[in-house]
Amino acid sequence: MEFEKTLLSVEEFCTYLGIGKTKARELLSNPSCKYVVRIGRRVLIHKELLDAELKKSAKFQLKM
């Protein structure tokens, strides 16, 4: 049984978006960031919320 991860680590987030760790930390430190989940000192990214935010902020409406 294979399933897709719901929460991404910072490294997986960087790979997913094709950005570096510095830019990722800059994006994730924003208090209005809706897709960040903090568990203790760990920072995780909710993939579905991230995808929804990317769709919403896309300049052109992309069909997926």
N, C-alpha and C. Protein backbone atom coordinates (compact mmCIF):
# COMPACT_ATOMS: atom_id res chain seq x y z
N MET A 1 0.85 -1.18 0.00
CA MET A 1 0.00 0.00 0.00
C MET A 1 0.89 1.24 0.00
N GLU A 2 0.72 2.09 -0.99
CA GLU A 2 1.52 3.29 -1.13
C GLU A 2 0.65 4.51 -0.90
N PHE A 3 1.19 5.50 -0.17
CA PHE A 3 0.43 6.72 0.09
C PHE A 3 1.35 7.92 -0.02
N GLU A 4 0.74 9.06 -0.23
CA GLU A 4 1.48 10.31 -0.36
C GLU A 4 1.54 11.00 1.00
N LYS A 5 2.70 11.59 1.31
CA LYS A 5 2.87 12.27 2.59
C LYS A 5 2.02 13.54 2.63
N THR A 6 1.45 13.81 3.79
CA THR A 6 0.68 15.03 3.98
C THR A 6 1.56 16.17 4.46
N LEU A 7 2.50 15.85 5.36
CA LEU A 7 3.40 16.86 5.91
C LEU A 7 4.80 16.68 5.33
N LEU A 8 5.37 17.77 4.84
CA LEU A 8 6.71 17.75 4.26
C LEU A 8 7.71 18.38 5.23
N SER A 9 8.93 17.87 5.23
CA SER A 9 9.99 18.51 5.98
C SER A 9 10.47 19.73 5.20
N VAL A 10 11.34 20.52 5.81
CA VAL A 10 11.86 21.71 5.13
C VAL A 10 12.67 21.29 3.90
N GLU A 11 13.44 20.21 4.01
CA GLU A 11 14.23 19.72 2.88
C GLU A 11 13.33 19.27 1.74
N GLU A 12 12.25 18.56 2.06
CA GLU A 12 11.30 18.12 1.04
C GLU A 12 10.57 19.31 0.41
N PHE A 13 10.27 20.31 1.22
CA PHE A 13 9.64 21.55 0.75
C PHE A 13 10.55 22.24 -0.27
N CYS A 14 11.86 22.30 0.03
CA CYS A 14 12.83 22.91 -0.87
C CYS A 14 12.87 22.17 -2.20
N THR A 15 12.90 20.86 -2.13
CA THR A 15 12.93 20.04 -3.34
C THR A 15 11.65 20.21 -4.14
N TYR A 16 10.51 20.23 -3.44
CA TYR A 16 9.20 20.34 -4.09
C TYR A 16 9.07 21.65 -4.87
N LEU A 17 9.58 22.75 -4.27
CA LEU A 17 9.46 24.06 -4.93
C LEU A 17 10.69 24.44 -5.74
N GLY A 18 11.79 23.72 -5.56
CA GLY A 18 13.00 24.05 -6.29
C GLY A 18 13.68 25.31 -5.77
N ILE A 19 13.67 25.50 -4.46
CA ILE A 19 14.29 26.67 -3.85
C ILE A 19 15.32 26.20 -2.82
N GLY A 20 16.14 27.12 -2.35
CA GLY A 20 17.15 26.81 -1.35
C GLY A 20 16.59 26.92 0.06
N LYS A 21 17.38 26.45 1.04
CA LYS A 21 16.94 26.46 2.43
C LYS A 21 16.78 27.87 2.99
N THR A 22 17.63 28.79 2.55
CA THR A 22 17.53 30.17 3.04
C THR A 22 16.20 30.80 2.63
N LYS A 23 15.84 30.65 1.37
CA LYS A 23 14.56 31.20 0.88
C LYS A 23 13.39 30.49 1.54
N ALA A 24 13.52 29.18 1.74
CA ALA A 24 12.45 28.42 2.38
C ALA A 24 12.22 28.91 3.80
N ARG A 25 13.29 29.09 4.57
CA ARG A 25 13.16 29.58 5.95
C ARG A 25 12.55 30.98 5.97
N GLU A 26 12.90 31.80 4.99
CA GLU A 26 12.33 33.15 4.88
C GLU A 26 10.82 33.07 4.66
N LEU A 27 10.39 32.20 3.76
CA LEU A 27 8.96 32.04 3.48
C LEU A 27 8.21 31.47 4.69
N LEU A 28 8.82 30.48 5.35
CA LEU A 28 8.15 29.79 6.44
C LEU A 28 8.11 30.60 7.74
N SER A 29 8.99 31.59 7.86
CA SER A 29 9.01 32.40 9.09
C SER A 29 7.92 33.47 9.10
N ASN A 30 7.26 33.69 7.97
CA ASN A 30 6.19 34.67 7.87
C ASN A 30 5.01 34.23 8.74
N PRO A 31 4.56 35.06 9.69
CA PRO A 31 3.45 34.66 10.58
C PRO A 31 2.12 34.43 9.87
N SER A 32 1.93 34.99 8.69
CA SER A 32 0.68 34.81 7.97
C SER A 32 0.69 33.56 7.08
N CYS A 33 1.75 32.77 7.17
CA CYS A 33 1.88 31.56 6.37
C CYS A 33 0.91 30.50 6.90
N LYS A 34 -0.06 30.10 6.07
CA LYS A 34 -1.15 29.22 6.52
C LYS A 34 -0.82 27.74 6.43
N TYR A 35 0.22 27.37 5.73
CA TYR A 35 0.52 25.96 5.50
C TYR A 35 1.63 25.42 6.40
N VAL A 36 2.10 26.20 7.37
CA VAL A 36 3.15 25.76 8.28
C VAL A 36 2.53 25.12 9.52
N VAL A 37 3.08 23.97 9.90
CA VAL A 37 2.67 23.27 11.11
C VAL A 37 3.90 23.17 12.00
N ARG A 38 3.81 23.69 13.21
CA ARG A 38 4.93 23.62 14.14
C ARG A 38 4.61 22.60 15.24
N ILE A 39 5.51 21.65 15.38
CA ILE A 39 5.39 20.63 16.43
C ILE A 39 6.68 20.72 17.24
N GLY A 40 6.59 21.35 18.39
CA GLY A 40 7.80 21.61 19.16
C GLY A 40 8.70 22.54 18.37
N ARG A 41 9.94 22.11 18.14
CA ARG A 41 10.88 22.91 17.36
C ARG A 41 10.85 22.55 15.88
N ARG A 42 10.14 21.50 15.54
CA ARG A 42 10.07 21.06 14.14
C ARG A 42 9.11 21.94 13.34
N VAL A 43 9.51 22.21 12.13
CA VAL A 43 8.67 22.97 11.21
C VAL A 43 8.31 22.04 10.06
N LEU A 44 7.02 21.82 9.87
CA LEU A 44 6.53 20.96 8.79
C LEU A 44 5.59 21.75 7.91
N ILE A 45 5.45 21.32 6.68
CA ILE A 45 4.61 22.02 5.71
C ILE A 45 3.48 21.11 5.27
N HIS A 46 2.24 21.60 5.41
CA HIS A 46 1.07 20.84 5.00
C HIS A 46 0.94 20.97 3.49
N LYS A 47 1.16 19.87 2.79
CA LYS A 47 1.25 19.88 1.32
C LYS A 47 -0.05 20.33 0.65
N GLU A 48 -1.19 19.86 1.12
CA GLU A 48 -2.47 20.24 0.50
C GLU A 48 -2.74 21.73 0.64
N LEU A 49 -2.44 22.29 1.81
CA LEU A 49 -2.64 23.73 2.02
C LEU A 49 -1.65 24.53 1.17
N LEU A 50 -0.42 24.02 1.04
CA LEU A 50 0.57 24.67 0.20
C LEU A 50 0.11 24.68 -1.26
N ASP A 51 -0.37 23.55 -1.75
CA ASP A 51 -0.86 23.47 -3.13
C ASP A 51 -2.03 24.43 -3.36
N ALA A 52 -2.93 24.52 -2.39
CA ALA A 52 -4.06 25.44 -2.51
C ALA A 52 -3.59 26.89 -2.54
N GLU A 53 -2.60 27.22 -1.72
CA GLU A 53 -2.05 28.58 -1.69
C GLU A 53 -1.34 28.90 -3.01
N LEU A 54 -0.62 27.94 -3.56
CA LEU A 54 0.05 28.15 -4.85
C LEU A 54 -0.95 28.35 -5.97
N LYS A 55 -2.02 27.57 -5.96
CA LYS A 55 -3.07 27.74 -6.98
C LYS A 55 -3.70 29.12 -6.89
N LYS A 56 -3.97 29.55 -5.65
CA LYS A 56 -4.63 30.83 -5.43
C LYS A 56 -3.74 31.99 -5.86
N SER A 57 -2.44 31.87 -5.63
CA SER A 57 -1.55 32.99 -5.92
C SER A 57 -0.94 32.91 -7.32
N ALA A 58 -1.30 31.92 -8.10
CA ALA A 58 -0.78 31.80 -9.47
C ALA A 58 -1.27 32.98 -10.30
N LYS A 59 -0.40 33.48 -11.14
CA LYS A 59 -0.77 34.62 -11.98
C LYS A 59 -1.83 34.23 -12.99
N PHE A 60 -1.68 33.05 -13.56
CA PHE A 60 -2.65 32.53 -14.50
C PHE A 60 -3.30 31.30 -13.89
N GLN A 61 -4.56 31.11 -14.11
CA GLN A 61 -5.25 29.94 -13.57
C GLN A 61 -4.81 28.70 -14.35
N LEU A 62 -4.12 27.81 -13.67
CA LEU A 62 -3.62 26.60 -14.28
C LEU A 62 -4.60 25.46 -14.02
N LYS A 63 -4.82 24.65 -15.02
CA LYS A 63 -5.70 23.50 -14.84
C LYS A 63 -4.86 22.29 -14.53
N MET A 64 -5.17 21.65 -13.41
CA MET A 64 -4.39 20.48 -12.98
C MET A 64 -5.25 19.26 -12.97
